[in-house]
């Protein structure tokens, strides 16, 4: 059982990393297009900073959540474990 949990956790972490890289690719593609559009259509007024900045903040937090070990993650895992034990106790009674 322990091996399947480890495999499940590893699979989930890889999926989260892939999700971040897809997010990054979409960010670069869309914002690169907006930047190009801004420079070609209205070169005197730089408006592309708004989506670059706003979406960049979201991308930053997405990256932090994926690549940094958040202290809340272990707390959440302990709560899930406690809930599973509680559920198993109730079923055994």
PDB file of N, CA and C in Angstrom:
ATOM      1  N   UNK A   1       0.826  -1.197   0.000  1.00  0.00           N
ATOM      2  CA  UNK A   1       0.000   0.000   0.000  1.00  0.00           C
ATOM      3  C   UNK A   1       0.865   1.254   0.000  1.00  0.00           C
ATOM      4  N   UNK A   2       1.983   1.197   0.730  1.00  0.00           N
ATOM      5  CA  UNK A   2       2.865   2.351   0.810  1.00  0.00           C
ATOM      6  C   UNK A   2       3.448   2.717  -0.553  1.00  0.00           C
ATOM      7  N   UNK A   3       3.771   1.690  -1.375  1.00  0.00           N
ATOM      8  CA  UNK A   3       4.321   1.956  -2.707  1.00  0.00           C
ATOM      9  C   UNK A   3       3.315   2.670  -3.585  1.00  0.00           C
ATOM     10  N   UNK A   4       2.035   2.285  -3.503  1.00  0.00           N
ATOM     11  CA  UNK A   4       1.032   2.927  -4.348  1.00  0.00           C
ATOM     12  C   UNK A   4       0.815   4.383  -3.933  1.00  0.00           C
ATOM     13  N   UNK A   5       0.916   4.679  -2.639  1.00  0.00           N
ATOM     14  CA  UNK A   5       0.781   6.065  -2.187  1.00  0.00           C
ATOM     15  C   UNK A   5       1.964   6.887  -2.687  1.00  0.00           C
ATOM     16  N   UNK A   6       3.160   6.332  -2.606  1.00  0.00           N
ATOM     17  CA  UNK A   6       4.348   7.021  -3.085  1.00  0.00           C
ATOM     18  C   UNK A   6       4.248   7.265  -4.589  1.00  0.00           C
ATOM     19  N   UNK A   7       3.822   6.262  -5.333  1.00  0.00           N
ATOM     20  CA  UNK A   7       3.658   6.404  -6.779  1.00  0.00           C
ATOM     21  C   UNK A   7       2.598   7.454  -7.083  1.00  0.00           C
ATOM     22  N   UNK A   8       1.509   7.426  -6.342  1.00  0.00           N
ATOM     23  CA  UNK A   8       0.430   8.401  -6.546  1.00  0.00           C
ATOM     24  C   UNK A   8       0.934   9.817  -6.280  1.00  0.00           C
ATOM     25  N   UNK A   9       1.675  10.001  -5.197  1.00  0.00           N
ATOM     26  CA  UNK A   9       2.213  11.326  -4.872  1.00  0.00           C
ATOM     27  C   UNK A   9       3.185  11.809  -5.936  1.00  0.00           C
ATOM     28  N   UNK A  10       4.044  10.908  -6.412  1.00  0.00           N
ATOM     29  CA  UNK A  10       5.012  11.277  -7.450  1.00  0.00           C
ATOM     30  C   UNK A  10       4.291  11.650  -8.737  1.00  0.00           C
ATOM     31  N   UNK A  11       3.293  10.882  -9.092  1.00  0.00           N
ATOM     32  CA  UNK A  11       2.516  11.163 -10.306  1.00  0.00           C
ATOM     33  C   UNK A  11       1.823  12.513 -10.190  1.00  0.00           C
ATOM     34  N   UNK A  12       1.254  12.783  -9.046  1.00  0.00           N
ATOM     35  CA  UNK A  12       0.559  14.056  -8.824  1.00  0.00           C
ATOM     36  C   UNK A  12       1.533  15.232  -8.921  1.00  0.00           C
ATOM     37  N   UNK A  13       2.733  15.075  -8.363  1.00  0.00           N
ATOM     38  CA  UNK A  13       3.709  16.152  -8.404  1.00  0.00           C
ATOM     39  C   UNK A  13       4.184  16.411  -9.839  1.00  0.00           C
ATOM     40  N   UNK A  14       4.386  15.346 -10.604  1.00  0.00           N
ATOM     41  CA  UNK A  14       4.782  15.513 -12.009  1.00  0.00           C
ATOM     42  C   UNK A  14       3.669  16.209 -12.786  1.00  0.00           C
ATOM     43  N   UNK A  15       2.429  15.850 -12.529  1.00  0.00           N
ATOM     44  CA  UNK A  15       1.308  16.503 -13.208  1.00  0.00           C
ATOM     45  C   UNK A  15       1.226  17.983 -12.847  1.00  0.00           C
ATOM     46  N   UNK A  16       1.529  18.319 -11.600  1.00  0.00           N
ATOM     47  CA  UNK A  16       1.530  19.722 -11.196  1.00  0.00           C
ATOM     48  C   UNK A  16       2.640  20.493 -11.900  1.00  0.00           C
ATOM     49  N   UNK A  17       3.818  19.867 -12.032  1.00  0.00           N
ATOM     50  CA  UNK A  17       4.915  20.519 -12.747  1.00  0.00           C
ATOM     51  C   UNK A  17       4.558  20.736 -14.215  1.00  0.00           C
ATOM     52  N   UNK A  18       4.000  19.710 -14.845  1.00  0.00           N
ATOM     53  CA  UNK A  18       3.586  19.850 -16.245  1.00  0.00           C
ATOM     54  C   UNK A  18       2.536  20.941 -16.401  1.00  0.00           C
ATOM     55  N   UNK A  19       1.616  21.016 -15.457  1.00  0.00           N
ATOM     56  CA  UNK A  19       0.605  22.069 -15.484  1.00  0.00           C
ATOM     57  C   UNK A  19       1.237  23.447 -15.416  1.00  0.00           C
ATOM     58  N   UNK A  20       2.272  23.593 -14.584  1.00  0.00           N
ATOM     59  CA  UNK A  20       2.955  24.879 -14.505  1.00  0.00           C
ATOM     60  C   UNK A  20       3.641  25.217 -15.820  1.00  0.00           C
ATOM     61  N   UNK A  21       4.337  24.243 -16.422  1.00  0.00           N
ATOM     62  CA  UNK A  21       5.043  24.517 -17.666  1.00  0.00           C
ATOM     63  C   UNK A  21       4.084  24.841 -18.814  1.00  0.00           C
ATOM     64  N   UNK A  22       2.924  24.215 -18.823  1.00  0.00           N
ATOM     65  CA  UNK A  22       1.901  24.570 -19.816  1.00  0.00           C
ATOM     66  C   UNK A  22       1.432  26.001 -19.570  1.00  0.00           C
ATOM     67  N   UNK A  23       1.204  26.344 -18.317  1.00  0.00           N
ATOM     68  CA  UNK A  23       0.802  27.696 -17.947  1.00  0.00           C
ATOM     69  C   UNK A  23       1.859  28.704 -18.401  1.00  0.00           C
ATOM     70  N   UNK A  24       3.130  28.391 -18.170  1.00  0.00           N
ATOM     71  CA  UNK A  24       4.234  29.264 -18.574  1.00  0.00           C
ATOM     72  C   UNK A  24       4.266  29.437 -20.092  1.00  0.00           C
ATOM     73  N   UNK A  25       4.094  28.344 -20.842  1.00  0.00           N
ATOM     74  CA  UNK A  25       4.114  28.423 -22.307  1.00  0.00           C
ATOM     75  C   UNK A  25       2.965  29.288 -22.831  1.00  0.00           C
ATOM     76  N   UNK A  26       1.786  29.127 -22.260  1.00  0.00           N
ATOM     77  CA  UNK A  26       0.646  29.943 -22.679  1.00  0.00           C
ATOM     78  C   UNK A  26       0.885  31.407 -22.331  1.00  0.00           C
ATOM     79  N   UNK A  27       1.427  31.661 -21.141  1.00  0.00           N
ATOM     80  CA  UNK A  27       1.746  33.031 -20.716  1.00  0.00           C
ATOM     81  C   UNK A  27       2.707  33.692 -21.697  1.00  0.00           C
ATOM     82  N   UNK A  28       3.784  32.989 -22.040  1.00  0.00           N
ATOM     83  CA  UNK A  28       4.783  33.555 -22.949  1.00  0.00           C
ATOM     84  C   UNK A  28       4.212  33.786 -24.347  1.00  0.00           C
ATOM     85  N   UNK A  29       3.423  32.850 -24.829  1.00  0.00           N
ATOM     86  CA  UNK A  29       2.843  32.972 -26.164  1.00  0.00           C
ATOM     87  C   UNK A  29       1.855  34.129 -26.239  1.00  0.00           C
ATOM     88  N   UNK A  30       0.895  34.147 -25.323  1.00  0.00           N
ATOM     89  CA  UNK A  30      -0.141  35.177 -25.358  1.00  0.00           C
ATOM     90  C   UNK A  30       0.447  36.560 -25.082  1.00  0.00           C
ATOM     91  N   UNK A  31       1.271  36.660 -24.057  1.00  0.00           N
ATOM     92  CA  UNK A  31       1.817  37.973 -23.721  1.00  0.00           C
ATOM     93  C   UNK A  31       2.855  38.439 -24.728  1.00  0.00           C
ATOM     94  N   UNK A  32       3.565  37.514 -25.358  1.00  0.00           N
ATOM     95  CA  UNK A  32       4.453  37.888 -26.456  1.00  0.00           C
ATOM     96  C   UNK A  32       3.659  38.470 -27.619  1.00  0.00           C
ATOM     97  N   UNK A  33       2.523  37.841 -27.906  1.00  0.00           N
ATOM     98  CA  UNK A  33       1.640  38.367 -28.958  1.00  0.00           C
ATOM     99  C   UNK A  33       1.075  39.732 -28.597  1.00  0.00           C
ATOM    100  N   UNK A  34       0.672  39.893 -27.348  1.00  0.00           N
ATOM    101  CA  UNK A  34       0.144  41.199 -26.920  1.00  0.00           C
ATOM    102  C   UNK A  34       1.215  42.277 -26.972  1.00  0.00           C
ATOM    103  N   UNK A  35       2.417  41.925 -26.586  1.00  0.00           N
ATOM    104  CA  UNK A  35       3.527  42.874 -26.630  1.00  0.00           C
ATOM    105  C   UNK A  35       3.823  43.280 -28.076  1.00  0.00           C
ATOM    106  N   UNK A  36       3.854  42.303 -28.953  1.00  0.00           N
ATOM    107  CA  UNK A  36       4.081  42.586 -30.372  1.00  0.00           C
ATOM    108  C   UNK A  36       2.959  43.452 -30.931  1.00  0.00           C
ATOM    109  N   UNK A  37       1.728  43.106 -30.600  1.00  0.00           N
ATOM    110  CA  UNK A  37       0.577  43.897 -31.045  1.00  0.00           C
ATOM    111  C   UNK A  37       0.668  45.329 -30.535  1.00  0.00           C
ATOM    112  N   UNK A  38       1.030  45.485 -29.291  1.00  0.00           N
ATOM    113  CA  UNK A  38       1.170  46.817 -28.706  1.00  0.00           C
ATOM    114  C   UNK A  38       2.237  47.626 -29.445  1.00  0.00           C
ATOM    115  N   UNK A  39       3.373  47.018 -29.699  1.00  0.00           N
ATOM    116  CA  UNK A  39       4.467  47.741 -30.341  1.00  0.00           C
ATOM    117  C   UNK A  39       4.179  48.053 -31.810  1.00  0.00           C
ATOM    118  N   UNK A  40       3.398  47.222 -32.487  1.00  0.00           N
ATOM    119  CA  UNK A  40       3.082  47.458 -33.898  1.00  0.00           C
ATOM    120  C   UNK A  40       1.914  48.421 -34.097  1.00  0.00           C
ATOM    121  N   UNK A  41       0.904  48.321 -33.261  1.00  0.00           N
ATOM    122  CA  UNK A  41      -0.316  49.108 -33.450  1.00  0.00           C
ATOM    123  C   UNK A  41      -0.241  50.459 -32.749  1.00  0.00           C
ATOM    124  N   UNK A  42       0.153  50.466 -31.490  1.00  0.00           N
ATOM    125  CA  UNK A  42       0.193  51.707 -30.708  1.00  0.00           C
ATOM    126  C   UNK A  42       1.577  51.839 -30.055  1.00  0.00           C
ATOM    127  N   UNK A  43       2.607  52.131 -30.831  1.00  0.00           N
ATOM    128  CA  UNK A  43       3.956  52.153 -30.249  1.00  0.00           C
ATOM    129  C   UNK A  43       4.177  53.281 -29.243  1.00  0.00           C
ATOM    130  N   UNK A  44       3.394  54.331 -29.303  1.00  0.00           N
ATOM    131  CA  UNK A  44       3.591  55.456 -28.391  1.00  0.00           C
ATOM    132  C   UNK A  44       3.006  55.249 -27.009  1.00  0.00           C
ATOM    133  N   UNK A  45       2.142  54.270 -26.868  1.00  0.00           N
ATOM    134  CA  UNK A  45       1.477  54.037 -25.576  1.00  0.00           C
ATOM    135  C   UNK A  45       1.652  52.565 -25.194  1.00  0.00           C
ATOM    136  N   UNK A  46       2.352  52.306 -24.103  1.00  0.00           N
ATOM    137  CA  UNK A  46       2.630  50.936 -23.674  1.00  0.00           C
ATOM    138  C   UNK A  46       1.542  50.452 -22.721  1.00  0.00           C
ATOM    139  N   UNK A  47       0.598  49.679 -23.249  1.00  0.00           N
ATOM    140  CA  UNK A  47      -0.499  49.157 -22.436  1.00  0.00           C
ATOM    141  C   UNK A  47      -0.310  47.669 -22.107  1.00  0.00           C
ATOM    142  N   UNK A  48       0.642  47.018 -22.759  1.00  0.00           N
ATOM    143  CA  UNK A  48       0.809  45.569 -22.567  1.00  0.00           C
ATOM    144  C   UNK A  48       1.365  45.215 -21.185  1.00  0.00           C
ATOM    145  N   UNK A  49       1.784  46.217 -20.418  1.00  0.00           N
ATOM    146  CA  UNK A  49       2.323  45.942 -19.091  1.00  0.00           C
ATOM    147  C   UNK A  49       1.256  45.364 -18.161  1.00  0.00           C
ATOM    148  N   UNK A  50       0.006  45.781 -18.366  1.00  0.00           N
ATOM    149  CA  UNK A  50      -1.058  45.340 -17.443  1.00  0.00           C
ATOM    150  C   UNK A  50      -1.249  43.821 -17.469  1.00  0.00           C
ATOM    151  N   UNK A  51      -1.476  43.198 -18.648  1.00  0.00           N
ATOM    152  CA  UNK A  51      -1.607  41.740 -18.628  1.00  0.00           C
ATOM    153  C   UNK A  51      -0.299  41.027 -18.267  1.00  0.00           C
ATOM    154  N   UNK A  52       0.840  41.592 -18.667  1.00  0.00           N
ATOM    155  CA  UNK A  52       2.126  41.000 -18.294  1.00  0.00           C
ATOM    156  C   UNK A  52       2.268  40.952 -16.775  1.00  0.00           C
ATOM    157  N   UNK A  53       1.940  42.046 -16.132  1.00  0.00           N
ATOM    158  CA  UNK A  53       2.072  42.144 -14.679  1.00  0.00           C
ATOM    159  C   UNK A  53       1.033  41.289 -13.960  1.00  0.00           C
ATOM    160  N   UNK A  54      -0.235  41.458 -14.325  1.00  0.00           N
ATOM    161  CA  UNK A  54      -1.314  40.737 -13.635  1.00  0.00           C
ATOM    162  C   UNK A  54      -1.197  39.228 -13.764  1.00  0.00           C
ATOM    163  N   UNK A  55      -1.026  38.767 -14.991  1.00  0.00           N
ATOM    164  CA  UNK A  55      -0.907  37.341 -15.225  1.00  0.00           C
ATOM    165  C   UNK A  55       0.409  36.826 -14.648  1.00  0.00           C
ATOM    166  N   UNK A  56       1.443  37.662 -14.679  1.00  0.00           N
ATOM    167  CA  UNK A  56       2.735  37.281 -14.113  1.00  0.00           C
ATOM    168  C   UNK A  56       2.658  36.990 -12.627  1.00  0.00           C
ATOM    169  N   UNK A  57       1.854  37.763 -11.918  1.00  0.00           N
ATOM    170  CA  UNK A  57       1.661  37.498 -10.491  1.00  0.00           C
ATOM    171  C   UNK A  57       1.021  36.130 -10.287  1.00  0.00           C
ATOM    172  N   UNK A  58       0.001  35.828 -11.081  1.00  0.00           N
ATOM    173  CA  UNK A  58      -0.632  34.513 -10.997  1.00  0.00           C
ATOM    174  C   UNK A  58       0.342  33.393 -11.319  1.00  0.00           C
ATOM    175  N   UNK A  59       1.168  33.599 -12.338  1.00  0.00           N
ATOM    176  CA  UNK A  59       2.163  32.605 -12.719  1.00  0.00           C
ATOM    177  C   UNK A  59       3.202  32.421 -11.614  1.00  0.00           C
ATOM    178  N   UNK A  60       3.596  33.514 -10.985  1.00  0.00           N
ATOM    179  CA  UNK A  60       4.551  33.443  -9.879  1.00  0.00           C
ATOM    180  C   UNK A  60       4.009  32.582  -8.739  1.00  0.00           C
ATOM    181  N   UNK A  61       2.769  32.828  -8.344  1.00  0.00           N
ATOM    182  CA  UNK A  61       2.186  32.050  -7.254  1.00  0.00           C
ATOM    183  C   UNK A  61       1.975  30.591  -7.643  1.00  0.00           C
ATOM    184  N   UNK A  62       1.643  30.358  -8.911  1.00  0.00           N
ATOM    185  CA  UNK A  62       1.514  28.987  -9.387  1.00  0.00           C
ATOM    186  C   UNK A  62       2.863  28.279  -9.258  1.00  0.00           C
ATOM    187  N   UNK A  63       3.936  28.936  -9.674  1.00  0.00           N
ATOM    188  CA  UNK A  63       5.269  28.355  -9.566  1.00  0.00           C
ATOM    189  C   UNK A  63       5.680  28.111  -8.125  1.00  0.00           C
ATOM    190  N   UNK A  64       5.390  29.058  -7.260  1.00  0.00           N
ATOM    191  CA  UNK A  64       5.724  28.881  -5.845  1.00  0.00           C
ATOM    192  C   UNK A  64       4.986  27.695  -5.250  1.00  0.00           C
ATOM    193  N   UNK A  65       3.720  27.547  -5.609  1.00  0.00           N
ATOM    194  CA  UNK A  65       2.923  26.436  -5.078  1.00  0.00           C
ATOM    195  C   UNK A  65       3.439  25.086  -5.577  1.00  0.00           C
ATOM    196  N   UNK A  66       3.967  25.057  -6.798  1.00  0.00           N
ATOM    197  CA  UNK A  66       4.437  23.797  -7.363  1.00  0.00           C
ATOM    198  C   UNK A  66       5.847  23.447  -6.889  1.00  0.00           C
ATOM    199  N   UNK A  67       6.749  24.423  -6.877  1.00  0.00           N
ATOM    200  CA  UNK A  67       8.156  24.120  -6.675  1.00  0.00           C
ATOM    201  C   UNK A  67       8.667  24.336  -5.253  1.00  0.00           C
ATOM    202  N   UNK A  68       7.939  25.060  -4.440  1.00  0.00           N
ATOM    203  CA  UNK A  68       8.364  25.234  -3.052  1.00  0.00           C
ATOM    204  C   UNK A  68       7.547  24.319  -2.161  1.00  0.00           C
ATOM    205  N   UNK A  69       8.186  23.816  -1.144  1.00  0.00           N
ATOM    206  CA  UNK A  69       7.488  22.970  -0.192  1.00  0.00           C
ATOM    207  C   UNK A  69       6.708  23.862   0.761  1.00  0.00           C
ATOM    208  N   UNK A  70       5.427  23.952   0.529  1.00  0.00           N
ATOM    209  CA  UNK A  70       4.589  24.810   1.352  1.00  0.00           C
ATOM    210  C   UNK A  70       4.358  24.158   2.709  1.00  0.00           C
ATOM    211  N   UNK A  71       4.515  24.921   3.807  1.00  0.00           N
ATOM    212  CA  UNK A  71       4.290  24.329   5.125  1.00  0.00           C
ATOM    213  C   UNK A  71       2.869  23.835   5.314  1.00  0.00           C
ATOM    214  N   UNK A  72       1.925  24.442   4.642  1.00  0.00           N
ATOM    215  CA  UNK A  72       0.537  23.999   4.747  1.00  0.00           C
ATOM    216  C   UNK A  72       0.295  22.643   4.125  1.00  0.00           C
ATOM    217  N   UNK A  73       1.172  22.216   3.221  1.00  0.00           N
ATOM    218  CA  UNK A  73       0.982  20.937   2.545  1.00  0.00           C
ATOM    219  C   UNK A  73       1.086  19.779   3.524  1.00  0.00           C
ATOM    220  N   UNK A  74       2.048  19.828   4.458  1.00  0.00           N
ATOM    221  CA  UNK A  74       2.164  18.747   5.431  1.00  0.00           C
ATOM    222  C   UNK A  74       0.997  18.784   6.414  1.00  0.00           C
ATOM    223  N   UNK A  75       0.549  19.959   6.739  1.00  0.00           N
ATOM    224  CA  UNK A  75      -0.605  20.109   7.628  1.00  0.00           C
ATOM    225  C   UNK A  75      -1.844  19.503   6.967  1.00  0.00           C
ATOM    226  N   UNK A  76      -2.017  19.784   5.680  1.00  0.00           N
ATOM    227  CA  UNK A  76      -3.148  19.238   4.941  1.00  0.00           C
ATOM    228  C   UNK A  76      -3.053  17.713   4.865  1.00  0.00           C
ATOM    229  N   UNK A  77      -1.844  17.204   4.628  1.00  0.00           N
ATOM    230  CA  UNK A  77      -1.663  15.751   4.555  1.00  0.00           C
ATOM    231  C   UNK A  77      -2.000  15.089   5.891  1.00  0.00           C
ATOM    232  N   UNK A  78      -1.609  15.723   7.007  1.00  0.00           N
ATOM    233  CA  UNK A  78      -1.943  15.174   8.332  1.00  0.00           C
ATOM    234  C   UNK A  78      -3.455  15.181   8.552  1.00  0.00           C
ATOM    235  N   UNK A  79      -4.117  16.232   8.135  1.00  0.00           N
ATOM    236  CA  UNK A  79      -5.572  16.291   8.296  1.00  0.00           C
ATOM    237  C   UNK A  79      -6.259  15.199   7.474  1.00  0.00           C
ATOM    238  N   UNK A  80      -5.768  14.969   6.255  1.00  0.00           N
ATOM    239  CA  UNK A  80      -6.335  13.914   5.419  1.00  0.00           C
ATOM    240  C   UNK A  80      -6.127  12.556   6.074  1.00  0.00           C
ATOM    241  N   UNK A  81      -4.935  12.327   6.604  1.00  0.00           N
ATOM    242  CA  UNK A  81      -4.628  11.064   7.278  1.00  0.00           C
ATOM    243  C   UNK A  81      -5.536  10.857   8.494  1.00  0.00           C
ATOM    244  N   UNK A  82      -5.743  11.904   9.289  1.00  0.00           N
ATOM    245  CA  UNK A  82      -6.623  11.812  10.450  1.00  0.00           C
ATOM    246  C   UNK A  82      -8.053  11.501  10.018  1.00  0.00           C
ATOM    247  N   UNK A  83      -8.493  12.129   8.951  1.00  0.00           N
ATOM    248  CA  UNK A  83      -9.861  11.904   8.469  1.00  0.00           C
ATOM    249  C   UNK A  83     -10.019  10.469   7.974  1.00  0.00           C
ATOM    250  N   UNK A  84      -8.995   9.940   7.303  1.00  0.00           N
ATOM    251  CA  UNK A  84      -9.046   8.554   6.826  1.00  0.00           C
ATOM    252  C   UNK A  84      -9.088   7.581   7.998  1.00  0.00           C
ATOM    253  N   UNK A  85      -8.275   7.834   9.037  1.00  0.00           N
ATOM    254  CA  UNK A  85      -8.293   6.962  10.222  1.00  0.00           C
ATOM    255  C   UNK A  85      -9.647   7.014  10.911  1.00  0.00           C
ATOM    256  N   UNK A  86     -10.213   8.198  11.012  1.00  0.00           N
ATOM    257  CA  UNK A  86     -11.530   8.365  11.633  1.00  0.00           C
ATOM    258  C   UNK A  86     -12.573   7.574  10.845  1.00  0.00           C
ATOM    259  N   UNK A  87     -12.511   7.676   9.544  1.00  0.00           N
ATOM    260  CA  UNK A  87     -13.466   6.971   8.692  1.00  0.00           C
ATOM    261  C   UNK A  87     -13.316   5.449   8.828  1.00  0.00           C
ATOM    262  N   UNK A  88     -12.073   4.969   8.915  1.00  0.00           N
ATOM    263  CA  UNK A  88     -11.831   3.534   9.081  1.00  0.00           C
ATOM    264  C   UNK A  88     -12.330   3.050  10.438  1.00  0.00           C
ATOM    265  N   UNK A  89     -12.157   3.865  11.498  1.00  0.00           N
ATOM    266  CA  UNK A  89     -12.659   3.489  12.815  1.00  0.00           C
ATOM    267  C   UNK A  89     -14.181   3.377  12.800  1.00  0.00           C
ATOM    268  N   UNK A  90     -14.832   4.325  12.153  1.00  0.00           N
ATOM    269  CA  UNK A  90     -16.293   4.310  12.101  1.00  0.00           C
ATOM    270  C   UNK A  90     -16.806   3.105  11.338  1.00  0.00           C
ATOM    271  N   UNK A  91     -16.104   2.707  10.292  1.00  0.00           N
ATOM    272  CA  UNK A  91     -16.529   1.548   9.511  1.00  0.00           C
ATOM    273  C   UNK A  91     -16.314   0.242  10.262  1.00  0.00           C
ATOM    274  N   UNK A  92     -15.289   0.177  11.110  1.00  0.00           N
ATOM    275  CA  UNK A  92     -14.990  -1.044  11.843  1.00  0.00           C
ATOM    276  C   UNK A  92     -15.931  -1.242  13.042  1.00  0.00           C
ATOM    277  N   UNK A  93     -16.600  -0.208  13.468  1.00  0.00           N
ATOM    278  CA  UNK A  93     -17.507  -0.329  14.630  1.00  0.00           C
ATOM    279  C   UNK A  93     -18.823  -0.953  14.276  1.00  0.00           C
TER     280      UNK A  93
END
